[in-house]
């Protein structure tokens, strides 16, 4: 544990979800694979269509609809819809197909349960502080077991911007009816979580799971740095 700034008393704790409370990559890979298989089985996907084409289409969609850069679910739907239109499907067929593809992805994306040791840690912390989730992602907190330990989870979209913008921190503090300085945010990302929390006026605990992040985070310091969730119990 490293302390860079004096941690003031706080009234609530917020957690980033992806890669803070669980390792996210395997679940995304699984969901992407399931979606790819679904599209291949249900639609006439061109032979030359692969990851490069998906990335290029996503970039074009976000260039036209900048707000979708802050809404991963809506962006995925629109990319699927635009792809189906390019492949010759009607507007109605494309809309229906995109919705089906999105449902496939979302099902597999949240088809896991957070580790019991993490849930037990959150339950213990929850006896002393209100706990909430602040995430840029679209995991279903109920399906993965977090609704039992977090009072609420806020997501970007519908005009609410992703971290490191302050929108999600503002929204959380408003719901909790506390000042920003009274929220301690815990997350793994030096920009989204550390810079985001600090810029919003919240306190920050950085879960540094990757030593390479040191260079990325050097220009902005968290109040506390730890390398495992278990360390949090030592000072809260």
Protein backbone atom coordinates (compact mmCIF):
# COMPACT_ATOMS: atom_id res chain seq x y z
CA UNK A 1 0.00 0.00 0.00
CA UNK A 2 1.19 3.50 -0.86
CA UNK A 3 -0.30 6.75 0.37
CA UNK A 4 0.27 9.85 -1.76
CA UNK A 5 -2.37 12.21 -0.32
CA UNK A 6 -4.07 12.40 3.04
CA UNK A 7 -7.32 10.48 2.94
CA UNK A 8 -10.08 12.55 4.50
CA UNK A 9 -13.16 11.04 6.16
CA UNK A 10 -15.67 9.85 3.56
CA UNK A 11 -19.31 8.82 3.65
CA UNK A 12 -19.62 6.34 0.78
CA UNK A 13 -17.48 4.16 -1.49
CA UNK A 14 -17.88 3.66 -5.24
CA UNK A 15 -16.31 0.82 -7.19
CA UNK A 16 -15.43 0.50 -10.82
CA UNK A 17 -16.64 -2.92 -12.01
CA UNK A 18 -14.72 -4.24 -15.04
CA UNK A 19 -11.18 -5.35 -14.11
CA UNK A 20 -11.62 -4.06 -10.56
CA UNK A 21 -14.11 -6.53 -9.08
CA UNK A 22 -13.46 -9.24 -11.70
CA UNK A 23 -11.21 -9.93 -14.69
CA UNK A 24 -13.28 -8.70 -17.61
CA UNK A 25 -11.44 -9.87 -20.72
CA UNK A 26 -12.58 -13.55 -20.70
CA UNK A 27 -16.24 -12.52 -20.51
CA UNK A 28 -15.91 -10.05 -23.39
CA UNK A 29 -14.08 -12.62 -25.51
CA UNK A 30 -16.79 -15.18 -24.79
CA UNK A 31 -19.55 -12.74 -25.67
CA UNK A 32 -17.81 -11.61 -28.87
CA UNK A 33 -17.36 -15.23 -29.95
CA UNK A 34 -21.01 -16.04 -29.24
CA UNK A 35 -22.15 -12.97 -31.20
CA UNK A 36 -19.91 -13.85 -34.15
CA UNK A 37 -21.30 -17.39 -34.25
CA UNK A 38 -24.87 -16.07 -33.99
CA UNK A 39 -24.38 -13.69 -36.90
CA UNK A 40 -22.80 -16.42 -39.02
CA UNK A 41 -25.69 -18.80 -38.34
CA UNK A 42 -28.53 -16.32 -38.77
CA UNK A 43 -27.38 -14.00 -41.56
CA UNK A 44 -25.50 -13.99 -44.85
CA UNK A 45 -22.23 -12.56 -43.60
CA UNK A 46 -19.86 -11.71 -46.47
CA UNK A 47 -16.82 -13.96 -46.74
CA UNK A 48 -14.46 -11.00 -46.42
CA UNK A 49 -16.09 -9.65 -43.27
CA UNK A 50 -13.93 -9.89 -40.15
CA UNK A 51 -12.58 -7.96 -37.20
CA UNK A 52 -11.11 -5.23 -39.41
CA UNK A 53 -14.45 -4.55 -41.05
CA UNK A 54 -16.23 -4.45 -37.69
CA UNK A 55 -13.69 -1.95 -36.32
CA UNK A 56 -13.92 0.25 -39.41
CA UNK A 57 -17.71 0.27 -39.30
CA UNK A 58 -17.73 1.12 -35.59
CA UNK A 59 -15.39 4.05 -36.22
CA UNK A 60 -17.68 5.34 -38.98
CA UNK A 61 -20.79 4.98 -36.80
CA UNK A 62 -19.23 6.86 -33.89
CA UNK A 63 -17.91 9.56 -36.22
CA UNK A 64 -21.49 10.23 -37.31
CA UNK A 65 -23.10 9.65 -33.91
CA UNK A 66 -20.57 11.00 -31.43
CA UNK A 67 -22.87 10.36 -28.47
CA UNK A 68 -22.50 6.61 -29.06
CA UNK A 69 -18.88 6.84 -27.92
CA UNK A 70 -20.37 7.05 -24.43
CA UNK A 71 -22.91 4.23 -24.79
CA UNK A 72 -21.40 0.81 -25.55
CA UNK A 73 -24.77 -0.93 -25.78
CA UNK A 74 -26.34 1.55 -28.18
CA UNK A 75 -23.15 1.66 -30.24
CA UNK A 76 -23.09 -2.12 -30.62
CA UNK A 77 -26.73 -2.15 -31.71
CA UNK A 78 -26.14 0.54 -34.33
CA UNK A 79 -23.02 -1.17 -35.69
CA UNK A 80 -24.93 -4.44 -36.06
CA UNK A 81 -27.83 -2.63 -37.74
CA UNK A 82 -25.59 -0.81 -40.18
CA UNK A 83 -23.76 -4.02 -41.03
CA UNK A 84 -26.98 -5.83 -41.84
CA UNK A 85 -28.10 -2.96 -44.07
CA UNK A 86 -24.77 -3.13 -45.90
CA UNK A 87 -25.30 -6.84 -46.37
CA UNK A 88 -28.60 -6.20 -48.16
CA UNK A 89 -31.18 -6.60 -45.42
CA UNK A 90 -34.16 -4.25 -45.15
CA UNK A 91 -34.43 -1.61 -42.43
CA UNK A 92 -36.91 -3.76 -40.50
CA UNK A 93 -34.82 -6.91 -40.89
CA UNK A 94 -31.69 -5.01 -39.86
CA UNK A 95 -33.34 -3.53 -36.76
CA UNK A 96 -34.71 -6.89 -35.66
CA UNK A 97 -31.46 -8.67 -36.38
CA UNK A 98 -29.41 -6.08 -34.53
CA UNK A 99 -31.65 -6.41 -31.49
CA UNK A 100 -31.31 -10.19 -31.54
CA UNK A 101 -27.53 -9.93 -31.88
CA UNK A 102 -27.36 -7.44 -29.05
CA UNK A 103 -29.39 -9.72 -26.80
CA UNK A 104 -27.05 -12.60 -27.62
CA UNK A 105 -24.00 -10.52 -26.74
CA UNK A 106 -25.49 -9.12 -23.53
CA UNK A 107 -26.52 -12.57 -22.32
CA UNK A 108 -23.01 -14.00 -22.65
CA UNK A 109 -21.35 -10.78 -21.51
CA UNK A 110 -22.97 -11.12 -18.05
CA UNK A 111 -23.00 -14.92 -17.86
CA UNK A 112 -20.81 -15.23 -14.75
CA UNK A 113 -20.82 -14.57 -11.02
CA UNK A 114 -18.34 -12.38 -9.18
CA UNK A 115 -15.97 -14.39 -6.98
CA UNK A 116 -17.32 -15.15 -3.51
CA UNK A 117 -14.27 -13.64 -1.79
CA UNK A 118 -14.93 -10.31 -3.52
CA UNK A 119 -18.61 -10.42 -2.62
CA UNK A 120 -17.74 -11.17 1.00
CA UNK A 121 -15.34 -8.22 1.07
CA UNK A 122 -18.05 -5.94 -0.26
CA UNK A 123 -20.53 -7.26 2.26
CA UNK A 124 -18.09 -6.48 5.07
CA UNK A 125 -17.45 -2.96 3.76
CA UNK A 126 -21.17 -2.47 3.28
CA UNK A 127 -21.69 -2.76 7.02
CA UNK A 128 -19.83 0.54 7.42
CA UNK A 129 -20.45 2.51 4.20
CA UNK A 130 -22.98 2.70 1.37
CA UNK A 131 -21.41 0.98 -1.66
CA UNK A 132 -22.22 1.82 -5.28
CA UNK A 133 -20.89 0.94 -8.73
CA UNK A 134 -19.60 3.43 -11.32
CA UNK A 135 -18.80 1.72 -14.62
CA UNK A 136 -18.21 2.63 -18.23
CA UNK A 137 -19.34 -0.85 -19.24
CA UNK A 138 -22.68 -2.57 -19.62
CA UNK A 139 -22.46 -5.61 -17.36
CA UNK A 140 -25.76 -6.63 -15.74
CA UNK A 141 -24.91 -6.19 -12.06
CA UNK A 142 -27.92 -8.26 -10.99
CA UNK A 143 -26.90 -11.33 -12.98
CA UNK A 144 -23.30 -11.29 -11.75
CA UNK A 145 -24.29 -11.00 -8.09
CA UNK A 146 -23.43 -7.37 -7.39
CA UNK A 147 -26.96 -6.15 -6.75
CA UNK A 148 -26.76 -7.92 -3.39
CA UNK A 149 -23.82 -5.77 -2.23
CA UNK A 150 -24.12 -2.49 -4.17
CA UNK A 151 -26.94 -0.03 -3.57
CA UNK A 152 -26.99 0.97 -7.24
CA UNK A 153 -24.81 0.98 -10.36
CA UNK A 154 -24.59 3.90 -12.78
CA UNK A 155 -23.75 3.47 -16.48
CA UNK A 156 -23.06 6.00 -19.23
CA UNK A 157 -25.49 6.65 -22.06
CA UNK A 158 -28.56 8.80 -22.74
CA UNK A 159 -26.49 11.96 -22.41
CA UNK A 160 -24.40 10.72 -19.47
CA UNK A 161 -20.73 10.59 -20.48
CA UNK A 162 -18.16 7.94 -19.58
CA UNK A 163 -15.40 8.38 -17.04
CA UNK A 164 -13.09 10.30 -16.86
CA UNK A 165 -15.86 12.87 -17.43
CA UNK A 166 -17.49 13.75 -14.14
CA UNK A 167 -21.06 12.79 -15.15
CA UNK A 168 -21.15 9.40 -13.43
CA UNK A 169 -19.52 10.77 -10.27
CA UNK A 170 -21.98 13.68 -10.26
CA UNK A 171 -24.91 11.32 -10.66
CA UNK A 172 -23.71 9.01 -7.89
CA UNK A 173 -23.16 11.82 -5.39
CA UNK A 174 -26.57 13.22 -6.25
CA UNK A 175 -28.24 9.85 -5.59
CA UNK A 176 -26.26 9.39 -2.36
CA UNK A 177 -27.01 12.98 -1.30
CA UNK A 178 -23.36 13.64 -0.42
CA UNK A 179 -20.67 16.09 -1.49
CA UNK A 180 -18.11 14.88 -4.02
CA UNK A 181 -15.31 15.08 -1.45
CA UNK A 182 -17.24 12.56 0.67
CA UNK A 183 -17.03 9.82 -1.98
CA UNK A 184 -14.06 7.43 -2.15
CA UNK A 185 -13.82 5.88 -5.61
CA UNK A 186 -11.92 2.60 -6.12
CA UNK A 187 -10.85 1.48 -9.57
CA UNK A 188 -8.08 -0.03 -11.67
CA UNK A 189 -7.74 2.50 -14.46
CA UNK A 190 -5.35 5.43 -13.97
CA UNK A 191 -7.30 7.67 -16.35
CA UNK A 192 -10.94 6.63 -16.07
CA UNK A 193 -10.86 5.99 -12.35
CA UNK A 194 -8.01 7.98 -10.80
CA UNK A 195 -8.07 11.04 -13.03
CA UNK A 196 -11.85 10.88 -13.32
CA UNK A 197 -12.42 10.76 -9.57
CA UNK A 198 -9.84 13.43 -8.79
CA UNK A 199 -11.15 15.78 -11.49
CA UNK A 200 -14.68 15.35 -10.14
CA UNK A 201 -13.54 16.31 -6.65
CA UNK A 202 -13.81 12.81 -5.19
CA UNK A 203 -11.16 10.87 -3.31
CA UNK A 204 -9.38 8.08 -5.16
CA UNK A 205 -8.03 4.64 -4.37
CA UNK A 206 -6.11 3.09 -7.24
CA UNK A 207 -6.12 -0.69 -7.56
CA UNK A 208 -2.88 -1.03 -9.53
CA UNK A 209 -2.90 -4.53 -10.97
CA UNK A 210 -0.36 -3.76 -13.68
CA UNK A 211 3.02 -2.20 -12.91
CA UNK A 212 3.12 -0.80 -16.46
CA UNK A 213 0.34 1.58 -15.43
CA UNK A 214 2.83 3.54 -13.33
CA UNK A 215 4.03 5.54 -16.33
CA UNK A 216 0.48 6.23 -17.45
CA UNK A 217 -0.59 7.49 -14.02
CA UNK A 218 2.45 9.55 -13.14
CA UNK A 219 0.81 12.90 -13.92
CA UNK A 220 -2.11 12.35 -11.54
CA UNK A 221 -1.88 10.77 -8.10
CA UNK A 222 -4.53 8.82 -6.23
CA UNK A 223 -4.89 9.28 -2.51
CA UNK A 224 -4.04 5.60 -1.95
CA UNK A 225 -2.53 2.88 -4.15
CA UNK A 226 -2.95 -0.84 -3.49
CA UNK A 227 -2.22 -3.93 -5.55
CA UNK A 228 -5.08 -6.11 -4.28
CA UNK A 229 -8.64 -5.60 -3.11
CA UNK A 230 -7.84 -7.35 0.16
CA UNK A 231 -5.58 -4.46 1.18
CA UNK A 232 -8.61 -2.17 1.38
CA UNK A 233 -9.69 -3.78 4.64
CA UNK A 234 -6.47 -2.60 6.31
CA UNK A 235 -7.42 1.05 6.42
CA UNK A 236 -11.22 1.20 6.08
